[in-house]
Amino acid sequence: MNTPQNTEIEINFVSKREITKLNKDYLKRSGPTDVLSFNINEKLPDGTFYLGDVLICLEVARKQAEKAGHSLEEEIGELAKHGVKHLLGWDHP
């Protein structure tokens, strides 16, 4: 993807309830997930390109960090990176 120089993304932390609902509504999958990405791909009035939103469920991230034996901060970093890769066009093999 050829991303414009002045590009914005938004990263939000959401509840387990909210991510479960979004996972069902948009991906038709039941249960919570750790991260979801939503492409917006829109030029804003100020000329900034808005790439999209990354939503991270802290409750799921916390459990994954504990299971993996690393910090919540490290888990959030990995999930944010994963979500941004999806905004840039990457998909699971």
Protein backbone atom coordinates (compact mmCIF):
# COMPACT_ATOMS: atom_id res chain seq x y z
CA MET A 1 0.00 0.00 0.00
CA ASN A 2 1.28 3.45 -0.86
CA THR A 3 0.44 5.32 2.35
CA PRO A 4 0.43 9.13 2.14
CA GLN A 5 3.00 10.98 4.27
CA ASN A 6 0.45 12.64 6.57
CA THR A 7 -1.50 9.58 7.72
CA GLU A 8 -3.38 9.00 10.96
CA ILE A 9 -4.63 5.90 12.72
CA GLU A 10 -6.53 5.60 15.96
CA ILE A 11 -5.90 2.93 18.59
CA ASN A 12 -8.64 2.37 21.16
CA PHE A 13 -8.94 0.07 24.13
CA VAL A 14 -12.35 -1.56 24.38
CA SER A 15 -14.19 -3.84 26.77
CA LYS A 16 -14.57 -7.57 26.30
CA ARG A 17 -18.30 -7.02 25.75
CA GLU A 18 -17.69 -4.44 23.00
CA ILE A 19 -15.07 -6.47 21.12
CA THR A 20 -17.27 -9.59 21.32
CA LYS A 21 -20.15 -7.66 19.74
CA LEU A 22 -17.94 -6.18 17.00
CA ASN A 23 -16.37 -9.57 16.30
CA LYS A 24 -19.83 -11.07 15.79
CA ASP A 25 -21.26 -8.12 13.82
CA TYR A 26 -18.34 -7.66 11.40
CA LEU A 27 -16.53 -11.00 11.24
CA LYS A 28 -19.42 -13.31 12.11
CA ARG A 29 -17.27 -14.94 14.81
CA SER A 30 -18.52 -15.68 18.29
CA GLY A 31 -16.61 -14.74 21.42
CA PRO A 32 -14.05 -12.07 22.19
CA THR A 33 -10.84 -11.46 20.27
CA ASP A 34 -7.69 -9.57 21.14
CA VAL A 35 -7.56 -7.02 18.30
CA LEU A 36 -9.72 -5.81 15.44
CA SER A 37 -8.83 -3.40 12.63
CA PHE A 38 -11.24 -1.31 10.61
CA ASN A 39 -10.03 0.38 7.42
CA ILE A 40 -11.43 3.85 6.85
CA ASN A 41 -9.14 5.07 4.01
CA GLU A 42 -10.52 8.58 3.90
CA LYS A 43 -8.98 11.97 3.21
CA LEU A 44 -9.93 14.41 5.98
CA PRO A 45 -10.78 18.08 5.35
CA ASP A 46 -7.32 19.17 6.56
CA GLY A 47 -5.67 16.90 3.96
CA THR A 48 -4.69 14.19 6.41
CA PHE A 49 -5.29 10.64 5.25
CA TYR A 50 -7.21 8.64 7.88
CA LEU A 51 -6.14 5.01 7.51
CA GLY A 52 -8.41 3.46 10.14
CA ASP A 53 -8.97 2.20 13.66
CA VAL A 54 -7.33 -0.52 15.73
CA LEU A 55 -9.33 -1.81 18.70
CA ILE A 56 -7.58 -3.75 21.45
CA CYS A 57 -9.35 -5.61 24.24
CA LEU A 58 -7.29 -5.08 27.39
CA GLU A 59 -8.91 -7.98 29.24
CA VAL A 60 -7.96 -10.44 26.50
CA ALA A 61 -4.52 -8.83 26.10
CA ARG A 62 -3.86 -9.16 29.85
CA LYS A 63 -4.69 -12.88 29.81
CA GLN A 64 -2.53 -13.46 26.73
CA ALA A 65 0.40 -11.60 28.33
CA GLU A 66 0.15 -13.71 31.49
CA LYS A 67 -0.03 -16.92 29.45
CA ALA A 68 2.98 -15.89 27.32
CA GLY A 69 4.98 -14.75 30.36
CA HIS A 70 5.55 -11.18 29.26
CA SER A 71 4.24 -7.74 30.23
CA LEU A 72 0.90 -6.27 29.28
CA GLU A 73 2.80 -3.43 27.60
CA GLU A 74 4.64 -5.89 25.37
CA GLU A 75 1.39 -7.63 24.47
CA ILE A 76 -0.30 -4.32 23.63
CA GLY A 77 2.66 -3.40 21.42
CA GLU A 78 2.39 -6.67 19.52
CA LEU A 79 -1.38 -6.31 19.12
CA ALA A 80 -1.05 -2.70 17.94
CA LYS A 81 1.58 -3.75 15.39
CA HIS A 82 -0.63 -6.62 14.22
CA GLY A 83 -3.63 -4.29 13.83
CA VAL A 84 -1.67 -1.67 11.90
CA LYS A 85 -0.34 -4.35 9.54
CA HIS A 86 -3.95 -5.21 8.72
CA LEU A 87 -4.70 -1.53 8.03
CA LEU A 88 -1.78 -1.55 5.59
CA GLY A 89 -3.24 -4.49 3.67
CA TRP A 90 -1.65 -7.54 5.31
CA ASP A 91 -3.85 -10.58 5.88
CA HIS A 92 -3.34 -13.91 7.59
CA PRO A 93 -1.81 -16.61 5.36
